[in-house]
Amino acid sequence: MMNKLAGLIKEEQGQGMTEYGLVLGLIAVAVVAALVLLRGHIISLFNNAEKTVGDGVTQMGTTPSPSPAP
């Protein structure tokens, strides 16, 4: 009986998955925090890209048209 209890205390089989879960959770929190902090810069980057593409199309003398539906 004592050997069985000692085996339960020493058993570390599920510990690896728990550690992986904690690390994955920490990475997810860091990514979300980075996105929140950089939100303004990301929006600005996409707005500038949209403006640049739009300016390039109008300089060519054509206006963008929607692609035909299949």
Protein backbone atom coordinates (compact mmCIF):
# COMPACT_ATOMS: atom_id res chain seq x y z
CA MET A 1 0.00 0.00 0.00
CA MET A 2 2.82 2.40 0.85
CA ASN A 3 4.53 1.58 -2.46
CA LYS A 4 1.34 2.49 -4.33
CA LEU A 5 1.09 5.88 -2.56
CA ALA A 6 4.78 6.59 -3.16
CA GLY A 7 4.28 5.78 -6.86
CA LEU A 8 1.40 8.27 -7.10
CA ILE A 9 3.49 11.03 -5.56
CA LYS A 10 6.49 10.41 -7.83
CA GLU A 11 4.45 10.01 -11.01
CA GLU A 12 5.21 12.90 -13.41
CA GLN A 13 3.65 11.61 -16.61
CA GLY A 14 1.13 14.46 -17.17
CA GLN A 15 3.52 17.19 -16.14
CA GLY A 16 4.98 17.74 -19.64
CA MET A 17 1.62 18.52 -21.25
CA THR A 18 0.77 20.96 -18.48
CA GLU A 19 4.04 22.79 -19.03
CA TYR A 20 3.42 22.97 -22.78
CA GLY A 21 -0.06 24.35 -22.10
CA LEU A 22 1.30 27.04 -19.79
CA VAL A 23 3.98 28.09 -22.28
CA LEU A 24 1.42 28.20 -25.10
CA GLY A 25 -0.89 30.31 -22.94
CA LEU A 26 1.93 32.70 -22.09
CA ILE A 27 2.81 33.08 -25.78
CA ALA A 28 -0.84 33.77 -26.64
CA VAL A 29 -1.06 36.47 -23.97
CA ALA A 30 2.17 38.06 -25.27
CA VAL A 31 0.86 38.09 -28.86
CA VAL A 32 -2.43 39.69 -27.83
CA ALA A 33 -0.59 42.29 -25.74
CA ALA A 34 1.71 43.10 -28.67
CA LEU A 35 -1.26 43.50 -31.03
CA VAL A 36 -3.00 45.81 -28.58
CA LEU A 37 0.12 47.94 -28.12
CA LEU A 38 0.86 48.11 -31.86
CA ARG A 39 -2.76 48.56 -33.00
CA GLY A 40 -2.30 52.14 -34.18
CA HIS A 41 0.85 51.34 -36.14
CA ILE A 42 -0.77 48.32 -37.81
CA ILE A 43 -3.82 50.35 -38.84
CA SER A 44 -1.58 53.11 -40.19
CA LEU A 45 0.47 50.58 -42.16
CA PHE A 46 -2.60 49.12 -43.85
CA ASN A 47 -4.06 52.56 -44.56
CA ASN A 48 -0.81 53.67 -46.18
CA ALA A 49 -0.66 50.50 -48.27
CA GLU A 50 -4.26 51.00 -49.38
CA LYS A 51 -3.56 54.64 -50.33
CA THR A 52 -0.40 53.69 -52.24
CA VAL A 53 -2.19 50.99 -54.23
CA GLY A 54 -5.11 53.32 -54.95
CA ASP A 55 -2.79 56.10 -56.10
CA GLY A 56 -0.94 53.72 -58.38
CA VAL A 57 -4.14 52.58 -60.04
CA THR A 58 -5.45 56.12 -60.62
CA GLN A 59 -2.09 57.22 -62.07
CA MET A 60 -2.40 54.51 -64.70
CA GLY A 61 -5.61 56.16 -65.92
CA THR A 62 -7.93 53.39 -64.91
CA THR A 63 -10.18 52.94 -61.97
CA PRO A 64 -10.38 49.64 -60.16
CA SER A 65 -13.41 47.60 -61.07
CA PRO A 66 -14.79 44.67 -59.14
CA SER A 67 -13.99 41.26 -60.51
CA PRO A 68 -16.90 39.52 -62.22
CA ALA A 69 -18.80 36.98 -60.18
CA PRO A 70 -18.36 33.39 -61.35
